[in-house]
Amino acid sequence: MRIGKIKRYLYILLAVNLAVLCFVSTGCKTTVQPVDNLKDLIDRLEKSGLEIEITDQSVQNIHLSVEGYVFMIGSENTQLFEYTDVSTAKMEFEALTGPGPGLVFFEKNEPPLSESVSSNLKAYHSGRFILLYNGDNEDVEKALKSTLGSPVKPR
């Protein structure tokens, strides 16, 4: 009977260690609740301590079917695309990592027809939203990851 208790204790200890290793390692992803709406997105990002500003500057991307807008997080320029339904947003986000031409990011200070691609470009998806970030600010990346989940490096 004593050996049975020791075995049970060892199994529990092993399970706890595996769970801790999973969360500590980079191979395991934590689940992030999907963003419900724009207010939810802004509220979550503001909890990170960064200032959020929605500009009236619209942007278009040849890979996405909806018009987006420049969305400032701190001093960083991002592009936010809001879809009417989750399935279309998910489908277009998944297409960003498939074969085809590279994803395009319009720089804030360039005319809409001028395109640039960056090695820092990351795409985020949650619910009806796709957000493109072309930078490397650690605070912004941390806030985006905790709000929208892990980024995808587009093709």
Protein backbone atom coordinates (compact mmCIF):
# COMPACT_ATOMS: atom_id res chain seq x y z
CA MET A 1 0.00 0.00 0.00
CA ARG A 2 2.85 2.38 0.75
CA ILE A 3 4.35 1.74 -2.71
CA GLY A 4 0.99 2.68 -4.29
CA LYS A 5 1.04 6.06 -2.50
CA ILE A 6 4.61 6.69 -3.61
CA LYS A 7 3.69 5.86 -7.23
CA ARG A 8 0.71 8.17 -7.10
CA TYR A 9 2.86 10.95 -5.60
CA LEU A 10 5.48 10.48 -8.35
CA TYR A 11 2.81 10.61 -11.09
CA ILE A 12 1.42 13.85 -9.66
CA LEU A 13 4.92 15.30 -9.36
CA LEU A 14 5.68 14.31 -12.96
CA ALA A 15 2.43 15.88 -14.21
CA VAL A 16 3.14 19.14 -12.37
CA ASN A 17 6.70 19.27 -13.72
CA LEU A 18 5.50 18.68 -17.28
CA ALA A 19 2.91 21.44 -16.94
CA VAL A 20 5.52 23.88 -15.63
CA LEU A 21 7.96 22.95 -18.41
CA CYS A 22 5.24 23.45 -21.00
CA PHE A 23 4.48 27.00 -19.86
CA VAL A 24 8.15 27.92 -19.45
CA SER A 25 9.28 26.56 -22.80
CA THR A 26 8.70 28.48 -26.00
CA GLY A 27 7.05 25.49 -27.64
CA CYS A 28 3.81 25.82 -25.68
CA LYS A 29 1.36 28.62 -26.32
CA THR A 30 -0.94 30.06 -23.73
CA THR A 31 -4.52 30.56 -24.79
CA VAL A 32 -5.65 34.14 -25.29
CA GLN A 33 -9.36 34.96 -25.27
CA PRO A 34 -10.47 36.26 -28.70
CA VAL A 35 -11.06 39.98 -28.98
CA ASP A 36 -14.80 40.73 -29.15
CA ASN A 37 -14.82 44.24 -30.55
CA LEU A 38 -12.71 47.36 -31.00
CA LYS A 39 -13.41 48.63 -27.47
CA ASP A 40 -12.30 45.27 -26.05
CA LEU A 41 -9.07 45.44 -28.10
CA ILE A 42 -8.30 48.98 -26.95
CA ASP A 43 -9.11 48.20 -23.29
CA ARG A 44 -6.81 45.17 -23.30
CA LEU A 45 -3.94 47.02 -24.96
CA GLU A 46 -4.28 50.00 -22.60
CA LYS A 47 -3.87 47.63 -19.63
CA SER A 48 -0.28 47.16 -20.81
CA GLY A 49 0.33 50.86 -20.07
CA LEU A 50 0.67 51.91 -23.70
CA GLU A 51 -1.30 54.79 -25.18
CA ILE A 52 -3.64 53.78 -27.99
CA GLU A 53 -4.79 56.05 -30.82
CA ILE A 54 -7.05 55.22 -33.74
CA THR A 55 -6.25 57.52 -36.62
CA ASP A 56 -8.52 58.48 -39.49
CA GLN A 57 -5.86 57.38 -41.99
CA SER A 58 -7.18 54.40 -43.94
CA VAL A 59 -4.93 51.73 -45.42
CA GLN A 60 -5.43 48.99 -47.95
CA ASN A 61 -3.52 45.78 -48.38
CA ILE A 62 -3.63 43.76 -51.59
CA HIS A 63 -3.81 40.52 -49.54
CA LEU A 64 -6.80 41.55 -47.42
CA SER A 65 -10.36 42.15 -48.59
CA VAL A 66 -11.24 44.90 -46.12
CA GLU A 67 -9.93 48.42 -45.69
CA GLY A 68 -7.98 49.00 -42.50
CA TYR A 69 -6.72 51.99 -40.62
CA VAL A 70 -3.57 53.14 -38.90
CA PHE A 71 -3.70 52.15 -35.25
CA MET A 72 -1.04 53.73 -33.04
CA ILE A 73 0.21 51.71 -30.07
CA GLY A 74 2.50 53.93 -28.06
CA SER A 75 4.56 55.63 -30.77
CA GLU A 76 4.40 52.59 -33.04
CA ASN A 77 2.44 52.48 -36.29
CA THR A 78 0.31 49.35 -36.83
CA GLN A 79 -2.44 48.55 -39.29
CA LEU A 80 -5.74 47.18 -38.04
CA PHE A 81 -8.22 45.38 -40.28
CA GLU A 82 -11.71 44.64 -38.91
CA TYR A 83 -13.92 42.04 -40.61
CA THR A 84 -17.66 41.55 -40.35
CA ASP A 85 -17.23 37.90 -39.43
CA VAL A 86 -14.64 35.71 -37.72
CA SER A 87 -14.46 33.08 -40.48
CA THR A 88 -13.36 35.55 -43.18
CA ALA A 89 -10.74 37.09 -40.88
CA LYS A 90 -9.42 33.64 -40.00
CA MET A 91 -9.33 32.52 -43.64
CA GLU A 92 -7.42 35.61 -44.79
CA PHE A 93 -5.04 35.42 -41.85
CA GLU A 94 -4.21 31.79 -42.67
CA ALA A 95 -3.65 32.78 -46.30
CA LEU A 96 -0.93 35.22 -45.20
CA THR A 97 1.35 32.30 -44.36
CA GLY A 98 0.65 30.30 -47.51
CA PRO A 99 2.39 30.40 -50.89
CA GLY A 100 2.24 33.53 -52.97
CA PRO A 101 3.66 37.04 -53.06
CA GLY A 102 4.95 38.60 -49.86
CA LEU A 103 2.75 40.55 -47.49
CA VAL A 104 2.79 44.31 -48.02
CA PHE A 105 2.94 46.95 -45.30
CA PHE A 106 2.29 50.60 -46.17
CA GLU A 107 4.49 52.93 -44.18
CA LYS A 108 2.74 55.79 -42.36
CA ASN A 109 4.62 58.61 -44.08
CA GLU A 110 4.54 57.17 -47.58
CA PRO A 111 1.82 57.60 -50.20
CA PRO A 112 -0.67 54.71 -50.37
CA LEU A 113 0.85 53.33 -53.58
CA SER A 114 4.34 53.07 -52.08
CA GLU A 115 4.92 49.66 -50.54
CA SER A 116 7.67 48.36 -48.29
CA VAL A 117 8.31 44.97 -46.79
CA SER A 118 10.24 44.53 -43.58
CA SER A 119 11.98 41.64 -41.89
CA ASN A 120 10.25 42.85 -38.69
CA LEU A 121 6.74 42.40 -40.09
CA LYS A 122 4.40 40.37 -37.88
CA ALA A 123 0.73 39.53 -38.33
CA TYR A 124 -1.68 39.00 -35.43
CA HIS A 125 -5.21 37.62 -35.51
CA SER A 126 -8.00 37.51 -32.95
CA GLY A 127 -11.69 37.21 -33.60
CA ARG A 128 -12.68 39.60 -36.40
CA PHE A 129 -9.35 41.47 -36.35
CA ILE A 130 -6.04 41.20 -38.20
CA LEU A 131 -3.27 43.53 -37.06
CA LEU A 132 0.00 44.09 -38.92
CA TYR A 133 3.03 45.40 -37.04
CA ASN A 134 6.23 46.40 -38.80
CA GLY A 135 8.53 47.05 -35.86
CA ASP A 136 10.53 45.64 -33.01
CA ASN A 137 9.43 47.53 -29.89
CA GLU A 138 9.45 44.92 -27.11
CA ASP A 139 6.68 46.63 -25.09
CA VAL A 140 4.38 46.76 -28.11
CA GLU A 141 5.16 43.15 -29.06
CA LYS A 142 4.49 41.97 -25.51
CA ALA A 143 1.16 43.86 -25.38
CA LEU A 144 0.10 42.50 -28.77
CA LYS A 145 1.02 38.93 -27.88
CA SER A 146 -0.86 39.04 -24.57
CA THR A 147 -3.90 40.59 -26.28
CA LEU A 148 -4.01 38.89 -29.70
CA GLY A 149 -1.84 35.81 -29.26
CA SER A 150 1.42 34.80 -30.90
CA PRO A 151 2.33 36.57 -34.12
CA VAL A 152 2.86 34.92 -37.47
CA LYS A 153 5.78 35.90 -39.65
CA PRO A 154 4.09 36.41 -43.03
CA ARG A 155 5.65 34.98 -46.17
